[in-house]
Amino acid sequence: MEHWRDTVARHRRAERFAADSEQPARRQRRRVVAVLTVVLGAAVLAWTLRIAPGDPRFYLATVGLAAVWLAGALAAGRPLRATEELGRQRAPRLVVTGLAVGLVLLVVFLAGAVVVARVPVLREPVQELLDHARWGSLPAVLALTALNGVVEELFFRGGLYDAFGGRGAVLGSTAVYTVVTALAGIPLLALAGLLLGLVVALLRRLTHGVLAPIVTHLTWSLGMLLLLGPLLDLLER
């Protein structure tokens, strides 16, 4: 445990040094790229979630959204090595940490479904979102959900997080992530963006990388996709 704390402390010092020593022009470029990516990604996300369930355009739009986040993450520069933040021997521990946090989030959100099922104004938009899996191809929706979970973390907890830098990175990246999801027009998706965004941003800060946030995001998003619909149907009976 003591070795773990020392390792994390060393990497935090290295991260602060890298942020302080980064050239202003490079930091400015990173921020410009982040802003452009957020604006374009928010527009594509809002359009994607308004496509009728069963429409083949949904799959193309979702792939396009993933491409936006991935391009933004790469263009922002300084890509993260997902399995080497604390040394290769730490990767299994980071995966377990991300999985545990994701399962806790999943339980919390599924418990909240008890409230959602009794409030039509909250339930109906969620049901419409889940209809993409019900009326379309579930394997395709699962694969696209996983793909977007990975690239969202690469951008929001990668390029965008670095664009903020310093102590403001956690709150800044969380605020932007929340606003982007809120633009989709689904109240509970905005709440999910706030809670999920804050948790994975804290994981990024604590683990100095994106591996644990990616695992948390995938555990939560795939679990919600598979379990939320049946749970809501059960509660409505």
Protein backbone atom coordinates (compact mmCIF):
# COMPACT_ATOMS: atom_id res chain seq x y z
CA MET A 1 0.00 0.00 0.00
CA GLU A 2 2.82 2.38 0.87
CA HIS A 3 4.53 1.62 -2.43
CA TRP A 4 1.27 2.35 -4.25
CA ARG A 5 0.94 5.75 -2.55
CA ASP A 6 4.55 6.62 -3.36
CA THR A 7 4.08 5.65 -7.00
CA VAL A 8 0.90 7.69 -7.34
CA ALA A 9 2.58 10.68 -5.68
CA ARG A 10 5.52 10.49 -8.10
CA HIS A 11 3.24 10.41 -11.10
CA ARG A 12 1.20 13.34 -9.79
CA ARG A 13 4.38 15.37 -9.42
CA ALA A 14 5.38 14.38 -12.95
CA GLU A 15 1.96 15.39 -14.26
CA ARG A 16 2.14 18.80 -12.59
CA PHE A 17 5.67 19.32 -13.92
CA ALA A 18 4.59 18.40 -17.45
CA ALA A 19 1.65 20.81 -17.24
CA ASP A 20 3.81 23.64 -15.89
CA SER A 21 6.58 23.12 -18.44
CA GLU A 22 4.31 22.77 -21.47
CA GLN A 23 4.76 25.53 -24.02
CA PRO A 24 1.88 28.06 -24.02
CA ALA A 25 1.38 27.67 -27.77
CA ARG A 26 0.97 23.92 -27.43
CA ARG A 27 -1.47 24.27 -24.54
CA GLN A 28 -3.45 26.84 -26.52
CA ARG A 29 -3.58 24.51 -29.53
CA ARG A 30 -4.85 21.71 -27.30
CA ARG A 31 -7.63 23.95 -26.00
CA VAL A 32 -8.68 25.06 -29.47
CA VAL A 33 -8.87 21.44 -30.62
CA ALA A 34 -10.87 20.54 -27.50
CA VAL A 35 -13.40 23.33 -28.07
CA LEU A 36 -13.92 22.44 -31.72
CA THR A 37 -14.31 18.76 -30.86
CA VAL A 38 -16.84 19.47 -28.11
CA VAL A 39 -18.99 21.67 -30.37
CA LEU A 40 -18.98 19.16 -33.23
CA GLY A 41 -19.45 16.16 -30.94
CA ALA A 42 -22.37 17.77 -29.10
CA ALA A 43 -24.13 18.47 -32.39
CA VAL A 44 -23.62 14.92 -33.67
CA LEU A 45 -24.76 13.44 -30.34
CA ALA A 46 -27.95 15.51 -30.28
CA TRP A 47 -28.72 14.46 -33.86
CA THR A 48 -27.93 10.80 -33.18
CA LEU A 49 -30.26 10.54 -30.20
CA ARG A 50 -33.11 12.09 -32.17
CA ILE A 51 -33.01 9.42 -34.89
CA ALA A 52 -36.03 7.11 -34.70
CA PRO A 53 -35.39 3.62 -33.26
CA GLY A 54 -34.84 1.06 -36.00
CA ASP A 55 -33.55 3.66 -38.48
CA PRO A 56 -30.25 2.42 -40.01
CA ARG A 57 -28.92 5.98 -39.86
CA PHE A 58 -28.54 5.55 -36.11
CA TYR A 59 -25.63 3.18 -36.56
CA LEU A 60 -23.85 5.45 -39.04
CA ALA A 61 -24.40 8.46 -36.81
CA THR A 62 -23.03 6.60 -33.78
CA VAL A 63 -19.91 5.57 -35.70
CA GLY A 64 -19.54 9.19 -36.81
CA LEU A 65 -19.79 10.36 -33.20
CA ALA A 66 -17.08 7.90 -32.16
CA ALA A 67 -14.89 9.22 -34.97
CA VAL A 68 -15.32 12.78 -33.70
CA TRP A 69 -14.25 11.91 -30.15
CA LEU A 70 -11.33 9.80 -31.35
CA ALA A 71 -10.10 12.44 -33.78
CA GLY A 72 -10.32 15.07 -31.04
CA ALA A 73 -8.36 12.90 -28.62
CA LEU A 74 -5.59 12.31 -31.14
CA ALA A 75 -5.49 15.87 -32.44
CA ALA A 76 -5.24 17.27 -28.92
CA GLY A 77 -1.90 15.53 -28.64
CA ARG A 78 -0.07 13.76 -25.82
CA PRO A 79 -2.10 10.53 -26.08
CA LEU A 80 -2.14 8.43 -22.92
CA ARG A 81 -0.72 4.93 -22.63
CA ALA A 82 -3.73 3.20 -21.13
CA THR A 83 -1.86 0.30 -19.52
CA GLU A 84 1.35 2.04 -18.48
CA GLU A 85 0.29 4.91 -16.25
CA LEU A 86 1.65 3.19 -13.15
CA GLY A 87 3.71 0.50 -14.85
CA ARG A 88 2.52 -2.57 -16.73
CA GLN A 89 2.26 -4.57 -13.51
CA ARG A 90 -0.43 -2.13 -12.35
CA ALA A 91 -2.77 -2.78 -15.30
CA PRO A 92 -4.69 -5.68 -13.68
CA ARG A 93 -5.24 -3.61 -10.53
CA LEU A 94 -6.48 -0.68 -12.60
CA VAL A 95 -8.92 -2.96 -14.43
CA VAL A 96 -10.25 -4.35 -11.16
CA THR A 97 -10.58 -0.84 -9.74
CA GLY A 98 -12.48 0.37 -12.80
CA LEU A 99 -14.74 -2.67 -12.73
CA ALA A 100 -15.57 -2.25 -9.05
CA VAL A 101 -16.37 1.45 -9.42
CA GLY A 102 -18.46 0.74 -12.52
CA LEU A 103 -20.51 -1.89 -10.70
CA VAL A 104 -21.19 0.49 -7.82
CA LEU A 105 -22.39 3.14 -10.27
CA LEU A 106 -24.55 0.58 -12.04
CA VAL A 107 -26.25 -0.45 -8.79
CA VAL A 108 -26.87 3.20 -7.87
CA PHE A 109 -28.46 3.99 -11.24
CA LEU A 110 -30.58 0.85 -11.28
CA ALA A 111 -31.83 1.73 -7.81
CA GLY A 112 -32.78 5.13 -9.19
CA ALA A 113 -34.90 3.36 -11.81
CA VAL A 114 -37.47 2.78 -9.07
CA VAL A 115 -38.12 6.53 -9.09
CA VAL A 116 -37.87 6.88 -12.87
CA ALA A 117 -40.50 4.20 -13.48
CA ARG A 118 -43.08 6.26 -11.56
CA VAL A 119 -42.45 9.58 -13.32
CA PRO A 120 -43.60 9.56 -16.97
CA VAL A 121 -41.71 12.73 -17.91
CA LEU A 122 -38.49 11.00 -16.86
CA ARG A 123 -39.35 7.46 -17.96
CA GLU A 124 -40.51 8.12 -21.53
CA PRO A 125 -37.29 9.73 -22.88
CA VAL A 126 -35.28 6.87 -21.38
CA GLN A 127 -37.59 4.29 -22.93
CA GLU A 128 -37.20 5.97 -26.32
CA LEU A 129 -33.43 5.80 -25.99
CA LEU A 130 -33.56 2.11 -25.04
CA ASP A 131 -35.82 1.41 -28.03
CA HIS A 132 -32.74 1.55 -30.26
CA ALA A 133 -31.65 -1.73 -28.67
CA ARG A 134 -35.16 -3.21 -28.60
CA TRP A 135 -36.10 -2.48 -32.22
CA GLY A 136 -32.66 -2.58 -33.76
CA SER A 137 -29.76 -4.99 -33.58
CA LEU A 138 -28.79 -5.52 -29.94
CA PRO A 139 -25.27 -6.81 -30.79
CA ALA A 140 -24.68 -3.76 -32.99
CA VAL A 141 -25.94 -1.37 -30.30
CA LEU A 142 -23.77 -3.08 -27.68
CA ALA A 143 -20.69 -2.83 -29.89
CA LEU A 144 -21.33 0.83 -30.68
CA THR A 145 -21.99 1.61 -27.01
CA ALA A 146 -18.66 0.02 -26.09
CA LEU A 147 -16.85 1.85 -28.89
CA ASN A 148 -18.22 5.22 -27.85
CA GLY A 149 -17.47 4.51 -24.19
CA VAL A 150 -13.80 3.99 -25.03
CA VAL A 151 -13.38 7.02 -27.29
CA GLU A 152 -15.33 9.29 -24.94
CA GLU A 153 -12.83 8.49 -22.22
CA LEU A 154 -9.89 9.02 -24.57
CA PHE A 155 -11.19 12.50 -25.34
CA PHE A 156 -12.93 13.73 -22.19
CA ARG A 157 -10.54 12.19 -19.67
CA GLY A 158 -7.63 12.38 -22.12
CA GLY A 159 -7.35 15.35 -24.47
CA LEU A 160 -9.94 17.57 -22.77
CA TYR A 161 -8.67 16.77 -19.27
CA ASP A 162 -5.15 17.73 -20.37
CA ALA A 163 -6.47 20.89 -22.03
CA PHE A 164 -7.76 22.10 -18.67
CA GLY A 165 -4.71 20.90 -16.79
CA GLY A 166 -3.98 21.34 -13.10
CA ARG A 167 -6.57 21.27 -10.35
CA GLY A 168 -9.36 22.50 -12.61
CA ALA A 169 -9.19 19.43 -14.85
CA VAL A 170 -11.60 17.29 -12.81
CA LEU A 171 -14.36 19.89 -12.49
CA GLY A 172 -13.75 21.39 -15.93
CA SER A 173 -13.91 18.12 -17.85
CA THR A 174 -16.94 17.03 -15.80
CA ALA A 175 -18.80 20.27 -16.50
CA VAL A 176 -18.19 20.03 -20.25
CA TYR A 177 -19.20 16.36 -20.33
CA THR A 178 -22.42 17.19 -18.47
CA VAL A 179 -23.30 20.05 -20.84
CA VAL A 180 -22.66 17.89 -23.90
CA THR A 181 -24.94 15.12 -22.66
CA ALA A 182 -27.59 17.64 -21.57
CA LEU A 183 -27.80 18.99 -25.13
CA ALA A 184 -29.28 15.65 -26.15
CA GLY A 185 -32.50 16.74 -24.41
CA ILE A 186 -32.82 13.77 -22.01
CA PRO A 187 -32.84 14.92 -18.35
CA LEU A 188 -31.61 11.65 -16.90
CA LEU A 189 -28.81 11.45 -19.46
CA ALA A 190 -27.59 14.84 -18.23
CA LEU A 191 -27.65 13.59 -14.63
CA ALA A 192 -25.79 10.46 -15.72
CA GLY A 193 -23.23 12.65 -17.46
CA LEU A 194 -22.66 14.62 -14.26
CA LEU A 195 -22.27 11.62 -11.94
CA LEU A 196 -20.37 9.39 -14.34
CA GLY A 197 -18.21 12.27 -15.54
CA LEU A 198 -17.21 13.24 -12.02
CA VAL A 199 -16.37 9.68 -10.99
CA VAL A 200 -14.24 8.86 -14.04
CA ALA A 201 -12.50 12.25 -13.86
CA LEU A 202 -11.53 11.50 -10.26
CA LEU A 203 -10.30 8.09 -11.39
CA ARG A 204 -8.21 9.77 -14.07
CA ARG A 205 -6.64 12.00 -11.44
CA LEU A 206 -6.04 9.19 -8.96
CA THR A 207 -4.67 6.65 -11.47
CA HIS A 208 -2.93 9.10 -13.80
CA GLY A 209 -4.46 7.49 -16.88
CA VAL A 210 -7.54 6.38 -18.74
CA LEU A 211 -7.55 2.61 -18.26
CA ALA A 212 -9.62 2.61 -15.05
CA PRO A 213 -12.03 5.28 -16.39
CA ILE A 214 -12.56 3.25 -19.57
CA VAL A 215 -13.37 0.08 -17.62
CA THR A 216 -15.74 2.00 -15.33
CA HIS A 217 -17.51 3.63 -18.28
CA LEU A 218 -17.93 0.32 -20.13
CA THR A 219 -19.18 -1.52 -17.04
CA TRP A 220 -21.77 1.16 -16.35
CA SER A 221 -22.95 1.82 -19.92
CA LEU A 222 -23.21 -1.82 -21.04
CA GLY A 223 -24.86 -2.79 -17.76
CA MET A 224 -27.43 -0.02 -18.11
CA LEU A 225 -28.16 -0.97 -21.71
CA LEU A 226 -28.80 -4.59 -20.80
CA LEU A 227 -30.56 -4.21 -17.45
CA LEU A 228 -32.38 -0.87 -17.34
CA GLY A 229 -35.05 -1.72 -19.93
CA PRO A 230 -36.15 -5.00 -18.31
CA LEU A 231 -36.10 -3.37 -14.88
CA LEU A 232 -38.32 -0.49 -16.02
CA ASP A 233 -40.74 -2.95 -17.64
CA LEU A 234 -40.89 -4.95 -14.42
CA LEU A 235 -41.56 -1.87 -12.30
CA GLU A 236 -44.38 -0.72 -14.59
CA ARG A 237 -46.39 -3.90 -14.06
